[in-house]
Amino acid sequence: MATCLLLGVDGTACFPVFMGSCACLMPACSIEFIKTHRYDVPHTIGNALGGCIGVFIAWKLITNLPMFWLINLICVVLLWTAYTLIHAANKDKKAGIA
């Protein structure tokens, strides 16, 4: 979604693109994990149920949120995720793991 927003696409139009690309990407990427049984079934079920509840809560909250705040929220989440991934990679590099 952030990529679409940076390309100048309207936020209300890029959300279905974001969700559709994720919905098409997940089954294709998970085939190898399912074949080799490298996933935890209870956690998968918990994530699926929690995701359904989370979508309903987000629908109730996000539909009333102005687009300006939604875009800023997405940017904050994106920057926080980037920070935590870079921090974890640097920690692993210092420990000699990576």
C-alpha atoms as a PDB file:
ATOM      1  CA  MET A   1       0.000   0.000   0.000  1.00  0.00           C
ATOM      2  CA  ALA A   2       2.853   2.352   0.777  1.00  0.00           C
ATOM      3  CA  THR A   3       4.305   1.730  -2.685  1.00  0.00           C
ATOM      4  CA  CYS A   4       1.004   2.618  -4.345  1.00  0.00           C
ATOM      5  CA  LEU A   5       0.744   5.753  -2.213  1.00  0.00           C
ATOM      6  CA  LEU A   6       4.299   6.765  -3.135  1.00  0.00           C
ATOM      7  CA  LEU A   7       3.426   6.275  -6.808  1.00  0.00           C
ATOM      8  CA  GLY A   8       0.618   8.794  -6.378  1.00  0.00           C
ATOM      9  CA  VAL A   9      -2.353   6.434  -6.441  1.00  0.00           C
ATOM     10  CA  ASP A  10      -5.338   7.558  -4.380  1.00  0.00           C
ATOM     11  CA  GLY A  11      -5.456   5.828  -0.990  1.00  0.00           C
ATOM     12  CA  THR A  12      -9.003   4.599  -1.459  1.00  0.00           C
ATOM     13  CA  ALA A  13      -8.018   2.956  -4.745  1.00  0.00           C
ATOM     14  CA  CYS A  14      -4.758   1.410  -3.564  1.00  0.00           C
ATOM     15  CA  PHE A  15      -6.249  -0.504  -0.624  1.00  0.00           C
ATOM     16  CA  PRO A  16      -7.994  -3.107  -2.844  1.00  0.00           C
ATOM     17  CA  VAL A  17      -4.771  -3.423  -4.867  1.00  0.00           C
ATOM     18  CA  PHE A  18      -2.849  -3.997  -1.638  1.00  0.00           C
ATOM     19  CA  MET A  19      -5.289  -6.610  -0.354  1.00  0.00           C
ATOM     20  CA  GLY A  20      -5.583  -8.350  -3.729  1.00  0.00           C
ATOM     21  CA  SER A  21      -1.830  -8.634  -4.189  1.00  0.00           C
ATOM     22  CA  CYS A  22      -1.469 -10.072  -0.690  1.00  0.00           C
ATOM     23  CA  ALA A  23      -4.300 -12.545  -1.280  1.00  0.00           C
ATOM     24  CA  CYS A  24      -2.661 -13.768  -4.500  1.00  0.00           C
ATOM     25  CA  LEU A  25       0.850 -13.825  -3.050  1.00  0.00           C
ATOM     26  CA  MET A  26       0.224 -15.811   0.140  1.00  0.00           C
ATOM     27  CA  PRO A  27      -1.023 -19.106  -1.365  1.00  0.00           C
ATOM     28  CA  ALA A  28       1.768 -19.172  -3.944  1.00  0.00           C
ATOM     29  CA  CYS A  29       4.462 -18.530  -1.337  1.00  0.00           C
ATOM     30  CA  SER A  30       3.110 -20.985   1.220  1.00  0.00           C
ATOM     31  CA  ILE A  31       3.087 -24.098  -0.998  1.00  0.00           C
ATOM     32  CA  GLU A  32       6.648 -25.083  -0.077  1.00  0.00           C
ATOM     33  CA  PHE A  33       5.995 -24.663   3.662  1.00  0.00           C
ATOM     34  CA  ILE A  34       2.848 -26.774   3.456  1.00  0.00           C
ATOM     35  CA  LYS A  35       4.597 -29.538   1.478  1.00  0.00           C
ATOM     36  CA  THR A  36       7.459 -29.770   3.980  1.00  0.00           C
ATOM     37  CA  HIS A  37       5.247 -29.286   7.087  1.00  0.00           C
ATOM     38  CA  ARG A  38       7.345 -26.336   8.293  1.00  0.00           C
ATOM     39  CA  TYR A  39       4.515 -24.463   9.960  1.00  0.00           C
ATOM     40  CA  ASP A  40       2.792 -24.655  13.315  1.00  0.00           C
ATOM     41  CA  VAL A  41      -0.893 -25.575  12.932  1.00  0.00           C
ATOM     42  CA  PRO A  42      -2.180 -24.087  16.238  1.00  0.00           C
ATOM     43  CA  HIS A  43      -0.455 -20.778  15.533  1.00  0.00           C
ATOM     44  CA  THR A  44      -1.783 -20.784  11.975  1.00  0.00           C
ATOM     45  CA  ILE A  45      -5.345 -21.279  13.193  1.00  0.00           C
ATOM     46  CA  GLY A  46      -4.853 -18.586  15.842  1.00  0.00           C
ATOM     47  CA  ASN A  47      -3.558 -16.142  13.245  1.00  0.00           C
ATOM     48  CA  ALA A  48      -6.485 -16.898  10.936  1.00  0.00           C
ATOM     49  CA  LEU A  49      -9.057 -16.364  13.686  1.00  0.00           C
ATOM     50  CA  GLY A  50      -7.294 -13.287  15.027  1.00  0.00           C
ATOM     51  CA  GLY A  51      -7.056 -11.904  11.511  1.00  0.00           C
ATOM     52  CA  CYS A  52     -10.806 -12.228  11.001  1.00  0.00           C
ATOM     53  CA  ILE A  53     -11.476 -10.385  14.248  1.00  0.00           C
ATOM     54  CA  GLY A  54      -8.805  -7.803  13.424  1.00  0.00           C
ATOM     55  CA  VAL A  55     -10.305  -7.082  10.009  1.00  0.00           C
ATOM     56  CA  PHE A  56     -13.706  -6.409  11.571  1.00  0.00           C
ATOM     57  CA  ILE A  57     -12.197  -4.089  14.195  1.00  0.00           C
ATOM     58  CA  ALA A  58     -10.093  -2.310  11.565  1.00  0.00           C
ATOM     59  CA  TRP A  59     -13.139  -1.917   9.331  1.00  0.00           C
ATOM     60  CA  LYS A  60     -15.009  -0.193  12.141  1.00  0.00           C
ATOM     61  CA  LEU A  61     -12.057   2.072  13.025  1.00  0.00           C
ATOM     62  CA  ILE A  62     -10.551   2.814   9.610  1.00  0.00           C
ATOM     63  CA  THR A  63     -13.777   3.719   7.808  1.00  0.00           C
ATOM     64  CA  ASN A  64     -14.168   6.735  10.108  1.00  0.00           C
ATOM     65  CA  LEU A  65     -10.494   7.759   9.920  1.00  0.00           C
ATOM     66  CA  PRO A  66      -9.563  10.615   7.547  1.00  0.00           C
ATOM     67  CA  MET A  67      -7.217   9.583   4.716  1.00  0.00           C
ATOM     68  CA  PHE A  68      -4.477  11.905   6.024  1.00  0.00           C
ATOM     69  CA  TRP A  69      -4.274  10.015   9.324  1.00  0.00           C
ATOM     70  CA  LEU A  70      -4.512   6.630   7.628  1.00  0.00           C
ATOM     71  CA  ILE A  71      -1.543   7.439   5.391  1.00  0.00           C
ATOM     72  CA  ASN A  72       0.452   8.705   8.378  1.00  0.00           C
ATOM     73  CA  LEU A  73      -0.413   5.563  10.354  1.00  0.00           C
ATOM     74  CA  ILE A  74       0.776   3.384   7.474  1.00  0.00           C
ATOM     75  CA  CYS A  75       4.038   5.348   7.262  1.00  0.00           C
ATOM     76  CA  VAL A  76       4.642   4.991  11.014  1.00  0.00           C
ATOM     77  CA  VAL A  77       4.059   1.228  10.864  1.00  0.00           C
ATOM     78  CA  LEU A  78       6.331   0.968   7.815  1.00  0.00           C
ATOM     79  CA  LEU A  79       9.139   2.923   9.480  1.00  0.00           C
ATOM     80  CA  TRP A  80       8.808   1.000  12.756  1.00  0.00           C
ATOM     81  CA  THR A  81       8.961  -2.328  10.912  1.00  0.00           C
ATOM     82  CA  ALA A  82      12.023  -1.197   8.954  1.00  0.00           C
ATOM     83  CA  TYR A  83      13.727  -0.072  12.168  1.00  0.00           C
ATOM     84  CA  THR A  84      13.080  -3.356  13.981  1.00  0.00           C
ATOM     85  CA  LEU A  85      14.273  -5.439  11.014  1.00  0.00           C
ATOM     86  CA  ILE A  86      17.471  -3.404  10.616  1.00  0.00           C
ATOM     87  CA  HIS A  87      18.087  -3.488  14.372  1.00  0.00           C
ATOM     88  CA  ALA A  88      17.643  -7.284  14.471  1.00  0.00           C
ATOM     89  CA  ALA A  89      19.957  -7.730  11.479  1.00  0.00           C
ATOM     90  CA  ASN A  90      22.659  -5.598  13.099  1.00  0.00           C
ATOM     91  CA  LYS A  91      22.312  -7.517  16.361  1.00  0.00           C
ATOM     92  CA  ASP A  92      22.680 -10.826  14.502  1.00  0.00           C
ATOM     93  CA  LYS A  93      25.667  -9.508  12.563  1.00  0.00           C
ATOM     94  CA  LYS A  94      27.413  -8.461  15.794  1.00  0.00           C
ATOM     95  CA  ALA A  95      26.705 -11.874  17.309  1.00  0.00           C
ATOM     96  CA  GLY A  96      28.137 -13.561  14.213  1.00  0.00           C
ATOM     97  CA  ILE A  97      24.889 -15.296  13.273  1.00  0.00           C
ATOM     98  CA  ALA A  98      24.445 -13.757   9.829  1.00  0.00           C
END
